[in-house]
Amino acid sequence: MPLNIVVGVTGGIAAYKAVSVVRSLVLAGHDVHVVPTESALRFVGRPTLEAISRNPVHTDLFEGVAEVRHVAIGQAADLIVIAPATANSIAKLATGLADDLLGNTVLASEAPLVIAPAMHTEMWRHPATQANIATLRDRGATIVGPAVGQLTGSDSGPGRLEEPDVIVRAALEVAERHGLDVGAADAPGRTAGDLSGRRLVVTAGGTREPLDPVRFLGNRSSGKQGVAIADAAAARGAEVTLIAANLEVASPGGCRVVPVSTALELQEAVTAAAADADAVVMAAAVADFRPERVSDAKIKKVDGQERMSLELVRNPDILAELGAAPHDGILLVGFAAETEADYERLLELGRAKRRAKGADLLVVNRVGWNHGFASDENAVTVLDAADGVAAETSGSKMSVAHVILDLIAERLASGSGPTTKDTHPA
């Protein structure tokens, strides 16, 4: 059954890409209603939006008063996608302003909200914009992008609107998460088959190092991001081995799953699976240390005991060992979870870690008490082998997974990563 999807378009130069977003959703069989701002119509004409959406386009709050159009559009929506969303429109959404039809539509709707920002880098990084984005995320909105790339004029950096296929893919994944039937599995935006014939090893979850039969040292990773990567890779035709460390989510279908618990078990499984892999994606959170001794019986407190000391020994650095060993034909992708709040310092930490581990791509994400681990969304910066920013994206963990896989597929196909195995033609 087709969804009733509202596409909001705000007044930025990237508004022309909204036409492709609307077209893809219409071709997927959905009923799409475009609600542009007056500023958006200065970039893309009403006739274009009506022709592509196959529905009338309205902007005036005082049109359709008899049908209460200013709330009816939002009430009828199954999903709202705003692409592009300017800094101004994001600020208005965060504060609940409703001085135009789009603002009223969002306030009058209980539908999932997907926002694709587009603006200059300085505007995106401004504390006001970041605070507004955080507010919208806290309310349940899904943020897709922005991407890194060429902006208006000679500027380049984070702030570029994500490509329409990424936005569409993320929007339909949000709809699926809310129990909506999006129709065909081959909906626009899925890059089907570009990893066909490739063998990927993906680690997910968090290792646990036992202290005794009932206690362990662990971390807060749920495995959601690694599982999303494995799931998306299988959908794109890859043969996937998922090495699952204490997952808090269900393993995806279409993958060979190898359950592990400790860092040493994960090392053994990765080493075996990587032997004939085209790419290894180390998304699991692996403990740096483990207890030197594991008690066979529960460790009990002693009367009067106020302190207890644990002797820890270092675990092997699995990614660094893979990077240091000959690995022609294997693309190595690492993850770096950091609590550093400063963006430039975060990149410095990521670049140092990428070089130390010999990774071809390093996915850097900021984590903390209330974001990163166990969340349904993620925000990442991907560094390439030259320490440049290959991608910067945010949104659902599935949409982030596809961006990472886009980079993997591109490098495997072009041979710009490690030498491609003859046994797995591009």
Protein backbone atom coordinates (compact mmCIF):
# COMPACT_ATOMS: atom_id res chain seq x y z
CA MET A 1 0.00 0.00 0.00
CA PRO A 2 1.52 3.37 -0.98
CA LEU A 3 2.54 5.78 1.75
CA ASN A 4 1.34 9.36 1.95
CA ILE A 5 4.68 11.21 2.00
CA VAL A 6 5.12 14.95 2.43
CA VAL A 7 8.35 16.39 1.03
CA GLY A 8 9.16 19.81 2.44
CA VAL A 9 11.53 21.94 0.38
CA THR A 10 13.20 25.02 1.87
CA GLY A 11 15.02 27.90 0.26
CA GLY A 12 18.58 26.81 -0.49
CA ILE A 13 20.48 26.27 -3.73
CA ALA A 14 20.29 22.50 -3.13
CA ALA A 15 16.50 22.69 -3.64
CA TYR A 16 16.98 21.41 -7.19
CA LYS A 17 17.96 18.00 -5.74
CA ALA A 18 14.53 17.76 -4.09
CA VAL A 19 13.14 17.03 -7.55
CA SER A 20 15.10 13.76 -7.63
CA VAL A 21 13.95 12.89 -4.11
CA VAL A 22 10.32 13.41 -5.09
CA ARG A 23 10.74 11.51 -8.35
CA SER A 24 12.28 8.47 -6.62
CA LEU A 25 9.50 8.32 -4.03
CA VAL A 26 6.84 8.61 -6.74
CA LEU A 27 8.49 5.87 -8.84
CA ALA A 28 8.52 3.67 -5.73
CA GLY A 29 4.71 3.92 -5.82
CA HIS A 30 4.09 6.44 -3.05
CA ASP A 31 1.69 9.40 -2.98
CA VAL A 32 3.95 12.43 -2.63
CA HIS A 33 2.80 15.93 -1.67
CA VAL A 34 5.39 18.71 -1.93
CA VAL A 35 5.18 21.60 0.53
CA PRO A 36 7.80 24.21 -0.44
CA THR A 37 8.50 27.47 1.32
CA GLU A 38 8.13 30.67 -0.69
CA SER A 39 11.91 30.94 -0.75
CA ALA A 40 12.20 27.43 -2.18
CA LEU A 41 10.06 28.45 -5.15
CA ARG A 42 12.71 31.01 -6.05
CA PHE A 43 15.03 28.08 -6.78
CA VAL A 44 12.61 25.46 -8.17
CA GLY A 45 9.34 26.37 -9.90
CA ARG A 46 5.92 25.20 -8.80
CA PRO A 47 5.15 23.60 -12.22
CA THR A 48 8.22 21.37 -11.91
CA LEU A 49 7.25 20.16 -8.45
CA GLU A 50 3.65 19.55 -9.49
CA ALA A 51 4.68 17.65 -12.62
CA ILE A 52 7.13 15.41 -10.76
CA SER A 53 4.92 14.79 -7.71
CA ARG A 54 1.70 14.48 -9.75
CA ASN A 55 -0.09 16.48 -7.04
CA PRO A 56 -0.95 20.17 -6.61
CA VAL A 57 1.62 22.22 -4.72
CA HIS A 58 0.49 24.67 -2.04
CA THR A 59 2.40 27.22 0.02
CA ASP A 60 -0.21 29.67 1.30
CA LEU A 61 -1.59 29.27 4.83
CA PHE A 62 -4.82 30.97 3.77
CA GLU A 63 -5.62 28.69 0.83
CA GLY A 64 -7.99 25.80 1.38
CA VAL A 65 -9.38 27.23 4.60
CA ALA A 66 -12.62 25.27 4.24
CA GLU A 67 -10.71 21.97 4.23
CA VAL A 68 -8.38 23.20 7.03
CA ARG A 69 -5.43 22.50 4.73
CA HIS A 70 -2.84 23.97 7.12
CA VAL A 71 -3.32 20.96 9.41
CA ALA A 72 -4.91 18.41 7.06
CA ILE A 73 -1.70 17.79 5.09
CA GLY A 74 0.26 16.95 8.22
CA GLN A 75 -2.52 14.86 9.74
CA ALA A 76 -2.72 12.70 6.61
CA ALA A 77 1.05 12.17 6.28
CA ASP A 78 2.67 8.80 6.96
CA LEU A 79 6.15 10.30 6.61
CA ILE A 80 7.60 13.82 6.30
CA VAL A 81 10.92 14.44 4.55
CA ILE A 82 12.47 17.92 4.47
CA ALA A 83 15.17 18.20 1.80
CA PRO A 84 16.96 20.48 1.75
CA ALA A 85 16.62 21.89 5.25
CA THR A 86 18.39 25.24 5.61
CA ALA A 87 19.86 26.56 8.85
CA ASN A 88 16.89 28.92 9.11
CA SER A 89 14.30 26.18 8.61
CA ILE A 90 16.07 23.93 11.14
CA ALA A 91 15.99 26.76 13.69
CA LYS A 92 12.26 27.26 13.09
CA LEU A 93 11.54 23.54 13.42
CA ALA A 94 13.52 23.34 16.66
CA THR A 95 11.58 26.22 18.21
CA GLY A 96 8.21 25.09 16.87
CA LEU A 97 7.56 28.12 14.70
CA ALA A 98 4.66 27.75 12.28
CA ASP A 99 4.58 30.93 10.21
CA ASP A 100 4.20 29.07 6.90
CA LEU A 101 2.45 25.99 5.55
CA LEU A 102 5.47 23.73 6.05
CA GLY A 103 5.82 24.68 9.72
CA ASN A 104 2.12 24.05 10.30
CA THR A 105 2.32 20.73 8.47
CA VAL A 106 5.14 19.49 10.72
CA LEU A 107 3.43 20.63 13.94
CA ALA A 108 0.13 19.08 12.91
CA SER A 109 1.66 15.67 12.18
CA GLU A 110 2.60 12.66 14.27
CA ALA A 111 4.43 11.10 11.32
CA PRO A 112 8.17 10.27 11.45
CA LEU A 113 10.28 13.29 10.44
CA VAL A 114 13.41 13.02 8.28
CA ILE A 115 15.57 16.13 7.85
CA ALA A 116 18.37 16.51 5.29
CA PRO A 117 20.40 19.64 6.14
CA ALA A 118 22.19 21.74 3.50
CA MET A 119 24.17 24.91 4.22
CA HIS A 120 27.68 26.33 4.28
CA THR A 121 30.18 24.64 6.57
CA GLU A 122 30.37 27.53 9.03
CA MET A 123 26.59 27.58 9.37
CA TRP A 124 26.46 23.81 9.93
CA ARG A 125 29.17 23.91 12.61
CA HIS A 126 27.74 26.95 14.39
CA PRO A 127 26.76 26.09 17.98
CA ALA A 128 23.21 27.36 17.36
CA THR A 129 22.70 24.95 14.45
CA GLN A 130 24.25 22.06 16.36
CA ALA A 131 22.00 22.78 19.34
CA ASN A 132 18.94 22.88 17.08
CA ILE A 133 19.94 19.57 15.46
CA ALA A 134 20.39 18.01 18.90
CA THR A 135 16.93 19.26 19.91
CA LEU A 136 15.33 17.74 16.82
CA ARG A 137 17.13 14.43 17.34
CA ASP A 138 15.95 14.35 20.95
CA ARG A 139 12.38 14.73 19.66
CA GLY A 140 12.82 11.72 17.38
CA ALA A 141 13.70 13.35 14.06
CA THR A 142 16.16 11.49 11.84
CA ILE A 143 18.97 13.65 10.44
CA VAL A 144 20.45 12.55 7.11
CA GLY A 145 23.81 14.14 6.35
CA PRO A 146 25.06 16.62 5.56
CA ALA A 147 27.70 15.22 3.23
CA VAL A 148 31.19 16.58 2.63
CA GLY A 149 31.88 18.11 -0.76
CA GLN A 150 31.66 21.08 -3.09
CA LEU A 151 29.33 23.83 -1.89
CA THR A 152 28.21 27.03 -3.58
CA GLY A 153 31.09 28.83 -5.26
CA SER A 154 34.59 27.67 -4.35
CA ASP A 155 33.69 26.48 -0.84
CA SER A 156 34.03 22.82 0.09
CA GLY A 157 33.39 20.94 3.33
CA PRO A 158 30.58 19.45 5.43
CA GLY A 159 27.22 21.03 4.61
CA ARG A 160 26.49 19.60 1.19
CA LEU A 161 23.04 18.02 0.82
CA GLU A 162 23.24 14.24 0.83
CA GLU A 163 22.60 12.65 -2.54
CA PRO A 164 18.91 12.02 -3.28
CA ASP A 165 19.29 8.21 -3.25
CA VAL A 166 20.80 8.34 0.26
CA ILE A 167 17.95 10.55 1.48
CA VAL A 168 15.30 8.32 -0.06
CA ARG A 169 16.92 5.18 1.32
CA ALA A 170 17.13 6.65 4.83
CA ALA A 171 13.54 7.93 4.68
CA LEU A 172 12.13 4.55 3.69
CA GLU A 173 14.20 2.83 6.37
CA VAL A 174 12.69 5.19 8.95
CA ALA A 175 9.23 4.31 7.65
CA GLU A 176 10.01 0.60 7.96
CA ARG A 177 11.26 1.11 11.52
CA HIS A 178 7.89 2.65 12.36
CA GLY A 179 6.07 -0.40 11.04
CA LEU A 180 5.04 1.13 7.71
CA ASP A 181 4.98 -0.95 4.53
CA VAL A 182 7.27 0.81 2.06
CA GLY A 183 6.43 -1.59 -0.77
CA ALA A 184 9.11 -3.21 -2.87
CA ALA A 185 12.42 -4.29 -1.40
CA ASP A 186 14.13 -2.81 -4.43
CA ALA A 187 12.93 0.70 -3.64
CA PRO A 188 15.00 3.50 -5.19
CA GLY A 189 18.17 4.34 -3.35
CA ARG A 190 19.28 0.77 -2.68
CA THR A 191 22.48 0.00 -4.52
CA ALA A 192 21.62 -3.59 -5.31
CA GLY A 193 24.38 -5.89 -6.49
CA ASP A 194 27.39 -3.57 -6.32
CA LEU A 195 28.99 -5.91 -3.77
CA SER A 196 27.97 -9.08 -5.57
CA GLY A 197 30.70 -11.69 -5.37
CA ARG A 198 32.56 -9.82 -2.64
CA ARG A 199 33.35 -11.40 0.72
CA LEU A 200 33.02 -9.11 3.73
CA VAL A 201 33.89 -9.81 7.34
CA VAL A 202 32.05 -7.54 9.78
CA THR A 203 32.54 -7.47 13.54
CA ALA A 204 29.76 -6.12 15.75
CA GLY A 205 28.91 -5.71 19.42
CA GLY A 206 31.17 -5.43 22.45
CA THR A 207 33.58 -7.95 23.93
CA ARG A 208 33.28 -9.12 27.52
CA GLU A 209 36.28 -10.12 29.63
CA PRO A 210 35.29 -12.44 32.52
CA LEU A 211 36.37 -11.78 36.08
CA ASP A 212 34.63 -14.85 37.46
CA PRO A 213 31.63 -17.00 36.44
CA VAL A 214 29.16 -14.14 37.03
CA ARG A 215 31.03 -10.89 36.31
CA PHE A 216 32.83 -9.36 33.37
CA LEU A 217 34.46 -6.16 32.11
CA GLY A 218 32.51 -4.90 29.13
CA ASN A 219 31.31 -1.84 27.27
CA ARG A 220 28.04 -0.26 26.16
CA SER A 221 28.12 -1.25 22.49
CA SER A 222 24.85 -2.85 21.36
CA GLY A 223 26.13 -3.97 17.96
CA LYS A 224 23.50 -1.97 16.05
CA GLN A 225 25.96 -0.26 13.69
CA GLY A 226 27.88 -3.44 12.85
CA VAL A 227 24.66 -5.37 12.32
CA ALA A 228 23.36 -2.60 10.03
CA ILE A 229 26.57 -2.83 7.96
CA ALA A 230 26.30 -6.61 7.70
CA ASP A 231 22.60 -6.42 6.81
CA ALA A 232 23.14 -3.72 4.17
CA ALA A 233 26.15 -5.52 2.67
CA ALA A 234 24.16 -8.73 2.29
CA ALA A 235 21.34 -6.77 0.62
CA ARG A 236 23.90 -5.38 -1.82
CA GLY A 237 25.02 -8.88 -2.83
CA ALA A 238 28.01 -9.52 -0.55
CA GLU A 239 28.81 -12.81 1.12
CA VAL A 240 28.97 -11.67 4.73
CA THR A 241 30.52 -13.24 7.80
CA LEU A 242 29.25 -11.44 10.90
CA ILE A 243 31.41 -11.98 13.96
CA ALA A 244 28.96 -11.16 16.73
CA ALA A 245 30.21 -10.21 20.18
CA ASN A 246 27.37 -10.24 22.72
CA LEU A 247 24.83 -8.52 20.48
CA GLU A 248 21.83 -6.77 22.00
CA VAL A 249 19.99 -6.85 18.67
CA ALA A 250 18.98 -9.68 16.37
CA SER A 251 21.48 -10.87 13.79
CA PRO A 252 20.41 -10.14 10.22
CA GLY A 253 19.39 -12.84 7.77
CA GLY A 254 21.59 -13.73 4.83
CA CYS A 255 24.82 -13.69 6.87
CA ARG A 256 27.05 -16.37 8.33
CA VAL A 257 27.11 -15.54 12.04
CA VAL A 258 30.04 -16.48 14.28
CA PRO A 259 29.23 -15.77 17.96
CA VAL A 260 32.16 -14.76 20.20
CA SER A 261 32.48 -13.21 23.63
CA THR A 262 36.05 -12.17 24.50
CA ALA A 263 38.66 -10.21 22.56
CA LEU A 264 40.79 -13.33 22.12
CA GLU A 265 37.82 -15.22 20.68
CA LEU A 266 37.10 -12.34 18.34
CA GLN A 267 40.75 -12.26 17.24
CA GLU A 268 40.68 -15.95 16.40
CA ALA A 269 37.44 -15.64 14.44
CA VAL A 270 38.56 -12.54 12.50
CA THR A 271 41.94 -14.05 11.63
CA ALA A 272 40.27 -17.17 10.23
CA ALA A 273 37.55 -15.31 8.31
CA ALA A 274 39.87 -12.62 6.91
CA ALA A 275 41.99 -15.14 5.02
CA ASP A 276 39.76 -15.04 1.93
CA ALA A 277 37.93 -11.72 2.52
CA ASP A 278 37.82 -8.70 0.24
CA ALA A 279 37.13 -6.34 3.14
CA VAL A 280 37.20 -6.51 6.93
CA VAL A 281 35.03 -4.02 8.82
CA MET A 282 35.97 -3.82 12.49
CA ALA A 283 32.85 -2.21 13.95
CA ALA A 284 32.95 -4.12 17.26
CA ALA A 285 34.07 -2.39 20.45
CA VAL A 286 36.99 -4.54 21.59
CA ALA A 287 38.32 -4.40 25.15
CA ASP A 288 41.87 -3.03 25.36
CA PHE A 289 42.61 -5.01 28.53
CA ARG A 290 41.47 -8.21 30.24
CA PRO A 291 41.93 -9.56 33.78
CA GLU A 292 45.25 -11.33 34.24
CA ARG A 293 43.52 -14.05 36.23
CA VAL A 294 39.94 -15.33 35.98
CA SER A 295 38.50 -16.84 39.14
CA ASP A 296 36.80 -20.21 38.85
CA ALA A 297 34.43 -19.23 41.66
CA LYS A 298 32.50 -16.07 42.37
CA ILE A 299 34.77 -13.43 43.93
CA LYS A 300 33.31 -12.62 47.34
CA LYS A 301 33.83 -9.53 49.45
CA VAL A 302 35.51 -9.99 52.80
CA ASP A 303 34.15 -8.36 55.95
CA GLY A 304 35.83 -5.02 56.41
CA GLN A 305 37.17 -4.93 52.84
CA GLU A 306 36.93 -1.42 51.39
CA ARG A 307 39.00 -1.83 48.22
CA MET A 308 39.77 -4.47 45.63
CA SER A 309 42.49 -4.34 42.98
CA LEU A 310 42.40 -6.02 39.60
CA GLU A 311 45.51 -6.78 37.59
CA LEU A 312 44.83 -6.25 33.89
CA VAL A 313 46.87 -7.32 30.86
CA ARG A 314 46.65 -5.89 27.37
CA ASN A 315 44.57 -7.55 24.69
CA PRO A 316 45.91 -7.85 21.14
CA ASP A 317 45.10 -4.99 18.77
CA ILE A 318 43.34 -7.02 16.11
CA LEU A 319 43.06 -4.30 13.45
CA ALA A 320 46.69 -3.19 13.93
CA GLU A 321 47.86 -6.79 13.54
CA LEU A 322 45.87 -7.15 10.32
CA GLY A 323 47.28 -3.85 9.07
CA ALA A 324 50.87 -4.79 9.90
CA ALA A 325 50.65 -8.19 8.20
CA PRO A 326 50.67 -8.62 4.39
CA HIS A 327 47.06 -8.10 3.30
CA ASP A 328 47.05 -7.59 -0.47
CA GLY A 329 43.49 -7.56 -1.71
CA ILE A 330 41.91 -6.97 1.72
CA LEU A 331 40.44 -3.55 2.43
CA LEU A 332 40.70 -2.81 6.15
CA VAL A 333 38.03 -0.59 7.73
CA GLY A 334 38.40 0.43 11.36
CA PHE A 335 36.20 2.29 13.83
CA ALA A 336 37.30 4.85 16.40
CA ALA A 337 34.81 5.78 19.12
CA GLU A 338 35.99 8.93 20.89
CA THR A 339 34.51 11.23 23.54
CA GLU A 340 36.42 14.29 22.27
CA ALA A 341 33.98 17.18 21.77
CA ASP A 342 36.20 19.41 19.60
CA TYR A 343 35.77 18.50 15.93
CA GLU A 344 39.34 19.25 14.82
CA ARG A 345 40.82 17.40 17.80
CA LEU A 346 38.50 14.47 17.06
CA LEU A 347 39.93 14.30 13.53
CA GLU A 348 43.48 14.48 14.87
CA LEU A 349 42.79 11.50 17.14
CA GLY A 350 41.22 9.63 14.24
CA ARG A 351 44.15 10.28 11.89
CA ALA A 352 46.66 9.14 14.49
CA LYS A 353 44.66 5.98 15.10
CA ARG A 354 44.30 5.24 11.37
CA ARG A 355 48.05 5.48 10.85
CA ALA A 356 48.79 3.36 13.92
CA LYS A 357 46.45 0.62 12.80
CA GLY A 358 47.19 0.67 9.06
CA ALA A 359 43.52 0.98 8.14
CA ASP A 360 42.48 1.91 4.61
CA LEU A 361 39.37 3.65 5.98
CA LEU A 362 38.68 4.74 9.55
CA VAL A 363 35.18 5.57 10.74
CA VAL A 364 35.36 8.14 13.54
CA ASN A 365 32.32 8.68 15.72
CA ARG A 366 31.78 10.67 18.88
CA VAL A 367 30.29 8.74 21.79
CA GLY A 368 29.13 9.75 25.23
CA TRP A 369 26.66 9.05 27.98
CA ASN A 370 23.65 9.80 25.79
CA HIS A 371 24.75 9.24 22.21
CA GLY A 372 26.63 6.79 20.02
CA PHE A 373 26.30 3.47 21.83
CA ALA A 374 22.89 1.73 21.80
CA SER A 375 21.31 4.56 19.79
CA ASP A 376 19.36 4.06 16.55
CA GLU A 377 21.29 6.93 14.97
CA ASN A 378 24.92 7.75 14.43
CA ALA A 379 27.08 10.59 13.17
CA VAL A 380 30.43 9.67 11.63
CA THR A 381 33.41 11.05 9.73
CA VAL A 382 35.26 8.60 7.49
CA LEU A 383 38.99 9.13 6.95
CA ASP A 384 40.74 7.66 3.92
CA ALA A 385 44.26 6.26 3.51
CA ALA A 386 45.61 9.77 2.87
CA ASP A 387 43.97 11.05 6.12
CA GLY A 388 41.46 13.09 4.13
CA VAL A 389 37.75 13.20 4.92
CA ALA A 390 36.18 10.69 2.55
CA ALA A 391 32.66 11.15 3.92
CA GLU A 392 30.79 12.80 6.78
CA THR A 393 27.26 11.65 7.43
CA SER A 394 24.63 11.25 10.12
CA GLY A 395 21.25 9.63 10.40
CA SER A 396 19.93 6.14 11.01
CA LYS A 397 22.61 3.52 11.52
CA MET A 398 21.38 1.82 8.35
CA SER A 399 21.84 5.01 6.31
CA VAL A 400 25.33 5.42 7.81
CA ALA A 401 26.04 1.77 6.92
CA HIS A 402 25.20 2.42 3.28
CA VAL A 403 27.51 5.45 3.13
CA ILE A 404 30.37 3.32 4.50
CA LEU A 405 29.56 0.54 2.03
CA ASP A 406 29.47 3.07 -0.83
CA LEU A 407 33.11 3.88 -0.03
CA ILE A 408 34.03 0.19 0.25
CA ALA A 409 32.31 -0.71 -3.02
CA GLU A 410 33.92 2.20 -4.83
CA ARG A 411 37.42 1.23 -3.68
CA LEU A 412 36.98 -2.46 -4.41
CA ALA A 413 35.63 -1.72 -7.89
CA SER A 414 38.28 0.84 -8.80
CA GLY A 415 41.23 -0.87 -7.22
CA SER A 416 42.09 2.35 -5.35
CA GLY A 417 42.36 0.33 -2.15
CA PRO A 418 44.58 -2.73 -1.75
CA THR A 419 45.26 -4.89 -4.80
CA THR A 420 42.07 -6.70 -5.77
CA LYS A 421 42.14 -10.50 -5.61
CA ASP A 422 42.01 -12.21 -9.01
CA THR A 423 39.52 -14.70 -7.59
CA HIS A 424 36.92 -11.96 -6.99
CA PRO A 425 36.48 -9.95 -10.20
CA ALA A 426 35.11 -6.45 -9.83
